Amino acid sequence: MESWRASAACQNVDPDLFFPVGTGGPALIQAEEAKEICRRCPVREACLRWAMDDSRQVTGVWGGLREDERQALKRRLRRRAKERN
C-alpha cells in the first residue's frame, strides 16, 4: 500500500461514495460529495498522481477529479508538453 494512503481523508469513508454509477443528477451529486472530501485531503495531489500515472484509474473520483476531468487534465498536459518541444 502506498504510504500516502494512511493520511488520506477518505480512509474511513465508504469507498462506494467515490464510484458513482451513471452520469445523471444523482451520480453528479454523489461525485460532488466525494470531491468535497478530497478538497480537505492532505494527500490529494499524491492520490491524483497515483490514479493518473501509476495505476491509470479509469473510474471513480481520485484526487478530487472524476474520470472525465482526469482525461481532460491529461489532454491539457500533453498539449503543454508538445508546445514546449
N, C-alpha and C. Protein backbone atom coordinates (compact mmCIF):
# COMPACT_ATOMS: atom_id res chain seq x y z
N MET A 1 0.85 -1.19 0.00
CA MET A 1 0.00 0.00 0.00
C MET A 1 0.89 1.25 0.00
N GLU A 2 0.49 2.24 -0.76
CA GLU A 2 1.24 3.48 -0.84
C GLU A 2 1.17 4.21 0.50
N SER A 3 2.28 4.80 0.91
CA SER A 3 2.34 5.46 2.21
C SER A 3 1.39 6.65 2.33
N TRP A 4 1.08 7.31 1.22
CA TRP A 4 0.19 8.46 1.27
C TRP A 4 -1.22 8.08 1.69
N ARG A 5 -1.63 6.85 1.43
CA ARG A 5 -2.99 6.41 1.76
C ARG A 5 -3.28 6.47 3.24
N ALA A 6 -2.29 6.30 4.08
CA ALA A 6 -2.50 6.34 5.53
C ALA A 6 -2.97 7.71 6.00
N SER A 7 -2.69 8.75 5.22
CA SER A 7 -3.08 10.11 5.59
C SER A 7 -4.30 10.61 4.81
N ALA A 8 -4.89 9.77 3.99
CA ALA A 8 -6.00 10.18 3.14
C ALA A 8 -7.25 10.48 3.95
N ALA A 9 -7.94 11.54 3.57
CA ALA A 9 -9.18 11.95 4.24
C ALA A 9 -10.29 10.93 4.03
N CYS A 10 -10.17 10.09 3.03
CA CYS A 10 -11.23 9.14 2.69
C CYS A 10 -11.05 7.77 3.33
N GLN A 11 -10.00 7.57 4.09
CA GLN A 11 -9.71 6.22 4.56
C GLN A 11 -10.81 5.60 5.41
N ASN A 12 -11.65 6.40 6.04
CA ASN A 12 -12.74 5.85 6.84
C ASN A 12 -14.11 6.13 6.24
N VAL A 13 -14.13 6.40 4.94
CA VAL A 13 -15.36 6.70 4.22
C VAL A 13 -15.70 5.49 3.35
N ASP A 14 -16.98 5.22 3.18
CA ASP A 14 -17.41 4.13 2.31
C ASP A 14 -16.86 4.35 0.90
N PRO A 15 -16.06 3.43 0.39
CA PRO A 15 -15.45 3.60 -0.93
C PRO A 15 -16.47 3.76 -2.05
N ASP A 16 -17.66 3.22 -1.88
CA ASP A 16 -18.69 3.35 -2.93
C ASP A 16 -19.02 4.80 -3.24
N LEU A 17 -18.83 5.70 -2.26
CA LEU A 17 -19.09 7.11 -2.50
C LEU A 17 -18.26 7.64 -3.66
N PHE A 18 -17.06 7.10 -3.83
CA PHE A 18 -16.12 7.59 -4.84
C PHE A 18 -16.31 6.94 -6.21
N PHE A 19 -17.33 6.09 -6.33
CA PHE A 19 -17.60 5.40 -7.59
C PHE A 19 -19.07 5.52 -7.94
N PRO A 20 -19.52 6.74 -8.28
CA PRO A 20 -20.92 6.93 -8.66
C PRO A 20 -21.26 6.13 -9.92
N VAL A 21 -22.49 5.66 -9.96
CA VAL A 21 -22.95 4.91 -11.13
C VAL A 21 -23.80 5.83 -11.99
N GLY A 22 -23.44 5.96 -13.25
CA GLY A 22 -24.19 6.79 -14.17
C GLY A 22 -23.56 8.16 -14.35
N THR A 23 -24.27 8.99 -15.11
CA THR A 23 -23.78 10.34 -15.39
C THR A 23 -24.83 11.40 -15.11
N GLY A 24 -25.98 10.98 -14.62
CA GLY A 24 -27.08 11.92 -14.37
C GLY A 24 -26.97 12.60 -13.02
N GLY A 25 -28.03 13.29 -12.65
CA GLY A 25 -28.08 14.09 -11.44
C GLY A 25 -27.60 13.40 -10.18
N PRO A 26 -28.17 12.22 -9.81
CA PRO A 26 -27.72 11.56 -8.58
C PRO A 26 -26.22 11.23 -8.59
N ALA A 27 -25.71 10.79 -9.74
CA ALA A 27 -24.28 10.46 -9.83
C ALA A 27 -23.42 11.71 -9.69
N LEU A 28 -23.86 12.81 -10.28
CA LEU A 28 -23.11 14.06 -10.16
C LEU A 28 -23.10 14.57 -8.73
N ILE A 29 -24.23 14.43 -8.04
CA ILE A 29 -24.30 14.84 -6.63
C ILE A 29 -23.37 13.97 -5.80
N GLN A 30 -23.38 12.68 -6.06
CA GLN A 30 -22.50 11.77 -5.33
C GLN A 30 -21.03 12.11 -5.58
N ALA A 31 -20.69 12.40 -6.83
CA ALA A 31 -19.31 12.77 -7.17
C ALA A 31 -18.91 14.04 -6.44
N GLU A 32 -19.82 15.01 -6.36
CA GLU A 32 -19.51 16.25 -5.65
C GLU A 32 -19.29 16.00 -4.16
N GLU A 33 -20.05 15.07 -3.58
CA GLU A 33 -19.84 14.72 -2.17
C GLU A 33 -18.46 14.10 -1.98
N ALA A 34 -18.06 13.25 -2.91
CA ALA A 34 -16.73 12.64 -2.84
C ALA A 34 -15.64 13.71 -3.00
N LYS A 35 -15.85 14.62 -3.95
CA LYS A 35 -14.87 15.66 -4.20
C LYS A 35 -14.73 16.61 -3.01
N GLU A 36 -15.80 16.79 -2.25
CA GLU A 36 -15.73 17.62 -1.05
C GLU A 36 -14.77 17.01 -0.03
N ILE A 37 -14.78 15.70 0.09
CA ILE A 37 -13.82 15.03 0.97
C ILE A 37 -12.41 15.23 0.44
N CYS A 38 -12.25 15.12 -0.86
CA CYS A 38 -10.93 15.31 -1.48
C CYS A 38 -10.39 16.72 -1.24
N ARG A 39 -11.27 17.71 -1.26
CA ARG A 39 -10.82 19.10 -1.10
C ARG A 39 -10.10 19.34 0.21
N ARG A 40 -10.45 18.59 1.23
CA ARG A 40 -9.80 18.78 2.53
C ARG A 40 -8.74 17.71 2.81
N CYS A 41 -8.36 16.99 1.79
CA CYS A 41 -7.41 15.89 1.95
C CYS A 41 -5.97 16.39 1.83
N PRO A 42 -5.12 16.03 2.79
CA PRO A 42 -3.72 16.47 2.75
C PRO A 42 -2.88 15.76 1.69
N VAL A 43 -3.38 14.66 1.13
CA VAL A 43 -2.60 13.92 0.15
C VAL A 43 -3.30 13.87 -1.21
N ARG A 44 -4.10 14.87 -1.47
CA ARG A 44 -4.88 14.92 -2.71
C ARG A 44 -3.99 14.82 -3.95
N GLU A 45 -2.91 15.55 -3.98
CA GLU A 45 -2.04 15.53 -5.15
C GLU A 45 -1.40 14.17 -5.37
N ALA A 46 -0.97 13.53 -4.29
CA ALA A 46 -0.38 12.18 -4.41
C ALA A 46 -1.41 11.19 -4.91
N CYS A 47 -2.63 11.31 -4.45
CA CYS A 47 -3.72 10.43 -4.89
C CYS A 47 -3.98 10.62 -6.38
N LEU A 48 -4.05 11.86 -6.80
CA LEU A 48 -4.31 12.16 -8.21
C LEU A 48 -3.17 11.62 -9.08
N ARG A 49 -1.94 11.85 -8.65
CA ARG A 49 -0.77 11.36 -9.40
C ARG A 49 -0.82 9.83 -9.52
N TRP A 50 -1.16 9.17 -8.40
CA TRP A 50 -1.25 7.71 -8.42
C TRP A 50 -2.32 7.24 -9.39
N ALA A 51 -3.48 7.88 -9.34
CA ALA A 51 -4.60 7.49 -10.21
C ALA A 51 -4.29 7.73 -11.68
N MET A 52 -3.59 8.79 -11.99
CA MET A 52 -3.32 9.14 -13.39
C MET A 52 -2.09 8.45 -13.96
N ASP A 53 -1.07 8.30 -13.15
CA ASP A 53 0.21 7.80 -13.66
C ASP A 53 0.49 6.35 -13.29
N ASP A 54 0.38 6.05 -12.01
CA ASP A 54 0.79 4.74 -11.54
C ASP A 54 -0.21 3.63 -11.85
N SER A 55 -1.48 3.88 -11.57
CA SER A 55 -2.47 2.82 -11.74
C SER A 55 -3.41 3.05 -12.91
N ARG A 56 -3.40 4.28 -13.44
CA ARG A 56 -4.24 4.64 -14.59
C ARG A 56 -5.71 4.29 -14.36
N GLN A 57 -6.24 4.78 -13.26
CA GLN A 57 -7.64 4.55 -12.92
C GLN A 57 -8.54 5.16 -13.98
N VAL A 58 -9.54 4.44 -14.39
CA VAL A 58 -10.47 4.96 -15.40
C VAL A 58 -11.86 5.22 -14.83
N THR A 59 -12.10 4.83 -13.60
CA THR A 59 -13.40 5.08 -12.98
C THR A 59 -13.20 5.71 -11.62
N GLY A 60 -14.23 6.40 -11.17
CA GLY A 60 -14.23 6.93 -9.82
C GLY A 60 -13.62 8.31 -9.68
N VAL A 61 -13.75 8.82 -8.47
CA VAL A 61 -13.17 10.11 -8.09
C VAL A 61 -11.85 9.82 -7.39
N TRP A 62 -10.79 10.39 -7.92
CA TRP A 62 -9.44 10.23 -7.36
C TRP A 62 -8.79 11.61 -7.34
N GLY A 63 -8.21 11.98 -6.22
CA GLY A 63 -7.53 13.27 -6.15
C GLY A 63 -8.46 14.44 -6.43
N GLY A 64 -9.74 14.25 -6.20
CA GLY A 64 -10.71 15.33 -6.39
C GLY A 64 -11.22 15.50 -7.81
N LEU A 65 -10.90 14.55 -8.69
CA LEU A 65 -11.35 14.66 -10.08
C LEU A 65 -12.10 13.40 -10.51
N ARG A 66 -13.19 13.61 -11.25
CA ARG A 66 -13.90 12.49 -11.88
C ARG A 66 -13.08 12.00 -13.06
N GLU A 67 -13.49 10.86 -13.61
CA GLU A 67 -12.74 10.29 -14.73
C GLU A 67 -12.67 11.23 -15.93
N ASP A 68 -13.77 11.92 -16.25
CA ASP A 68 -13.75 12.85 -17.39
C ASP A 68 -12.83 14.04 -17.12
N GLU A 69 -12.78 14.46 -15.87
CA GLU A 69 -11.90 15.58 -15.51
C GLU A 69 -10.43 15.16 -15.58
N ARG A 70 -10.14 13.93 -15.19
CA ARG A 70 -8.76 13.43 -15.29
C ARG A 70 -8.34 13.31 -16.75
N GLN A 71 -9.25 12.86 -17.61
CA GLN A 71 -8.93 12.75 -19.03
C GLN A 71 -8.66 14.12 -19.63
N ALA A 72 -9.47 15.10 -19.26
CA ALA A 72 -9.25 16.47 -19.76
C ALA A 72 -7.91 17.01 -19.28
N LEU A 73 -7.56 16.73 -18.03
CA LEU A 73 -6.27 17.17 -17.49
C LEU A 73 -5.12 16.51 -18.25
N LYS A 74 -5.25 15.23 -18.54
CA LYS A 74 -4.21 14.54 -19.31
C LYS A 74 -4.03 15.18 -20.68
N ARG A 75 -5.15 15.51 -21.33
CA ARG A 75 -5.05 16.15 -22.66
C ARG A 75 -4.35 17.50 -22.56
N ARG A 76 -4.70 18.30 -21.54
CA ARG A 76 -4.05 19.61 -21.37
C ARG A 76 -2.55 19.44 -21.13
N LEU A 77 -2.19 18.48 -20.30
CA LEU A 77 -0.77 18.26 -20.00
C LEU A 77 -0.01 17.81 -21.25
N ARG A 78 -0.64 16.96 -22.05
CA ARG A 78 0.02 16.52 -23.30
C ARG A 78 0.21 17.70 -24.26
N ARG A 79 -0.81 18.56 -24.37
CA ARG A 79 -0.71 19.74 -25.25
C ARG A 79 0.43 20.64 -24.80
N ARG A 80 0.49 20.88 -23.49
CA ARG A 80 1.57 21.75 -22.96
C ARG A 80 2.93 21.16 -23.24
N ALA A 81 3.05 19.84 -23.09
CA ALA A 81 4.33 19.19 -23.34
C ALA A 81 4.73 19.33 -24.80
N LYS A 82 3.76 19.22 -25.71
CA LYS A 82 4.04 19.37 -27.15
C LYS A 82 4.44 20.80 -27.47
N GLU A 83 3.79 21.77 -26.82
CA GLU A 83 4.10 23.18 -27.07
C GLU A 83 5.51 23.52 -26.63
N ARG A 84 6.00 22.86 -25.61
CA ARG A 84 7.36 23.13 -25.11
C ARG A 84 8.42 22.56 -26.04
N ASN A 85 8.06 21.53 -26.79
CA ASN A 85 9.06 20.86 -27.65
C ASN A 85 9.12 21.47 -29.01
